[in-house]
Amino acid sequence: MKMVAGFLLIFSFTLHSQPSTHSKDTSMKTIIKTDKAPLPIGPYNQAIAVQGQLLYTAGQIALDPKTGAMVGTTIQEQTKQVCENLKAILIASHTDLKHVVKTIVFLKNFNDFAAIRLPKDGLVEIEVVALIP
């Protein structure tokens, strides 16, 4: 945890484990990986399903899943790509947008909230928590 500009930032990662589409471990976690969304650019996973009921995605930025290049230059264009990436991860996890129970949005330019830095000069990053029906 780090205190920045009066805000408490809690850094949490879904740490990278063995790569596979759905690899179970003994703690009832399933690592989610799909080529329909950008591969992680660090030591984490696209998402983790817990006991087959809750899905926690890593934050997604507007990367093209095929090229790894940033898509768009406006907040609208990048947000659309981020949502497409999240949708692909949700589908790979056997859920969808209507089962999202929490959304966390990180913006590059939030006036005085200059403490947030997004990778690859992204303008927006979004992560979700969703139910797996």
Protein backbone atom coordinates (compact mmCIF):
# COMPACT_ATOMS: atom_id res chain seq x y z
CA MET A 1 0.00 0.00 0.00
CA LYS A 2 1.17 3.50 -0.78
CA MET A 3 -0.27 6.87 0.17
CA VAL A 4 -0.26 9.21 -2.84
CA ALA A 5 -1.85 12.68 -3.03
CA GLY A 6 -4.22 11.92 -0.16
CA PHE A 7 -5.46 8.69 -1.71
CA LEU A 8 -4.64 5.20 -0.52
CA LEU A 9 -3.60 3.07 -3.47
CA ILE A 10 -3.71 -0.67 -2.93
CA PHE A 11 -1.76 -2.63 -5.48
CA SER A 12 -3.12 -6.09 -6.10
CA PHE A 13 -2.03 -8.48 -8.77
CA THR A 14 -3.31 -11.80 -9.98
CA LEU A 15 0.19 -13.24 -10.03
CA HIS A 16 1.26 -15.22 -13.05
CA SER A 17 1.32 -18.98 -12.71
CA GLN A 18 1.61 -21.70 -15.28
CA PRO A 19 0.06 -20.58 -18.58
CA SER A 20 -2.97 -22.52 -19.74
CA THR A 21 -6.54 -21.90 -20.77
CA HIS A 22 -7.99 -23.13 -17.47
CA SER A 23 -5.44 -24.57 -15.04
CA LYS A 24 -6.73 -25.50 -11.61
CA ASP A 25 -4.61 -25.46 -8.49
CA THR A 26 -5.28 -26.80 -5.02
CA SER A 27 -6.60 -23.49 -3.64
CA MET A 28 -9.73 -23.61 -5.82
CA LYS A 29 -8.44 -20.91 -8.21
CA THR A 30 -8.58 -21.19 -11.97
CA ILE A 31 -6.26 -19.11 -14.13
CA ILE A 32 -8.02 -17.66 -17.16
CA LYS A 33 -6.15 -17.12 -20.41
CA THR A 34 -7.54 -16.29 -23.85
CA ASP A 35 -5.91 -15.09 -27.06
CA LYS A 36 -9.04 -13.00 -27.73
CA ALA A 37 -7.72 -10.42 -25.21
CA PRO A 38 -4.20 -8.97 -24.86
CA LEU A 39 -1.70 -11.17 -23.11
CA PRO A 40 -0.40 -9.75 -19.82
CA ILE A 41 2.57 -7.39 -20.16
CA GLY A 42 3.79 -8.26 -16.67
CA PRO A 43 3.84 -11.13 -14.13
CA TYR A 44 0.08 -11.53 -13.78
CA ASN A 45 -2.89 -13.27 -15.42
CA GLN A 46 -5.78 -11.94 -17.45
CA ALA A 47 -8.15 -13.19 -14.76
CA ILE A 48 -8.58 -15.61 -11.86
CA ALA A 49 -11.80 -17.53 -11.17
CA VAL A 50 -12.32 -18.42 -7.51
CA GLN A 51 -14.21 -21.62 -6.73
CA GLY A 52 -15.90 -21.35 -10.13
CA GLN A 53 -18.16 -18.60 -8.77
CA LEU A 54 -16.30 -15.28 -8.85
CA LEU A 55 -14.05 -13.87 -11.52
CA TYR A 56 -11.42 -11.20 -10.86
CA THR A 57 -9.91 -9.66 -13.98
CA ALA A 58 -6.64 -7.83 -14.15
CA GLY A 59 -6.94 -4.25 -15.34
CA GLN A 60 -7.22 -4.06 -19.11
CA ILE A 61 -5.92 -1.28 -21.30
CA ALA A 62 -6.71 -0.65 -24.97
CA LEU A 63 -4.29 -3.11 -26.53
CA ASP A 64 -5.13 -4.96 -29.71
CA PRO A 65 -5.04 -8.68 -28.78
CA LYS A 66 -3.40 -9.61 -32.12
CA THR A 67 -0.71 -6.94 -32.39
CA GLY A 68 -0.23 -5.74 -28.81
CA ALA A 69 -0.42 -2.15 -30.09
CA MET A 70 -2.46 0.55 -28.36
CA VAL A 71 -5.82 1.14 -30.10
CA GLY A 72 -7.18 4.67 -30.50
CA THR A 73 -6.09 8.07 -29.30
CA THR A 74 -9.30 9.25 -27.64
CA ILE A 75 -10.82 8.13 -24.36
CA GLN A 76 -13.88 6.90 -26.29
CA GLU A 77 -11.85 4.74 -28.70
CA GLN A 78 -9.69 3.29 -25.94
CA THR A 79 -12.66 2.61 -23.64
CA LYS A 80 -14.39 0.70 -26.45
CA GLN A 81 -11.31 -1.51 -26.94
CA VAL A 82 -10.92 -2.07 -23.19
CA CYS A 83 -14.55 -3.22 -23.01
CA GLU A 84 -13.98 -5.60 -25.94
CA ASN A 85 -10.95 -7.05 -24.14
CA LEU A 86 -12.92 -7.49 -20.91
CA LYS A 87 -15.82 -9.07 -22.79
CA ALA A 88 -13.43 -11.64 -24.32
CA ILE A 89 -12.04 -12.54 -20.90
CA LEU A 90 -15.55 -12.84 -19.46
CA ILE A 91 -16.61 -15.13 -22.31
CA ALA A 92 -13.49 -17.28 -21.83
CA SER A 93 -14.55 -17.54 -18.17
CA HIS A 94 -18.08 -18.71 -19.04
CA THR A 95 -19.73 -15.45 -17.97
CA ASP A 96 -20.62 -12.10 -19.55
CA LEU A 97 -21.10 -8.38 -18.94
CA LYS A 98 -24.53 -8.81 -17.35
CA HIS A 99 -22.91 -10.75 -14.48
CA VAL A 100 -20.42 -8.01 -13.56
CA VAL A 101 -20.89 -7.00 -9.92
CA LYS A 102 -18.08 -4.46 -9.60
CA THR A 103 -16.16 -2.29 -12.02
CA ILE A 104 -13.00 -0.36 -11.23
CA VAL A 105 -11.89 2.37 -13.64
CA PHE A 106 -8.49 4.05 -13.67
CA LEU A 107 -8.10 7.20 -15.75
CA LYS A 108 -4.87 8.73 -17.01
CA ASN A 109 -6.13 12.31 -16.78
CA PHE A 110 -8.39 12.93 -13.81
CA ASN A 111 -7.47 16.59 -13.35
CA ASP A 112 -5.66 16.64 -10.00
CA PHE A 113 -5.33 12.88 -9.70
CA ALA A 114 -1.94 12.76 -11.41
CA ALA A 115 -0.66 9.87 -9.28
CA ILE A 116 -2.10 7.19 -11.56
CA ARG A 117 0.25 5.97 -14.27
CA LEU A 118 -1.02 3.51 -16.85
CA PRO A 119 1.22 1.24 -18.94
CA LYS A 120 1.93 1.93 -22.61
CA ASP A 121 0.47 5.45 -22.29
CA GLY A 122 -3.09 4.13 -22.01
CA LEU A 123 -5.80 6.68 -21.28
CA VAL A 124 -8.07 4.30 -19.39
CA GLU A 125 -7.77 0.97 -17.55
CA ILE A 126 -10.74 -1.06 -16.34
CA GLU A 127 -10.99 -4.22 -14.26
CA VAL A 128 -14.11 -6.10 -13.18
CA VAL A 129 -15.37 -8.64 -10.68
CA ALA A 130 -18.10 -10.88 -12.07
CA LEU A 131 -20.25 -13.83 -11.06
CA ILE A 132 -19.79 -17.07 -12.97
CA PRO A 133 -23.29 -18.51 -13.32
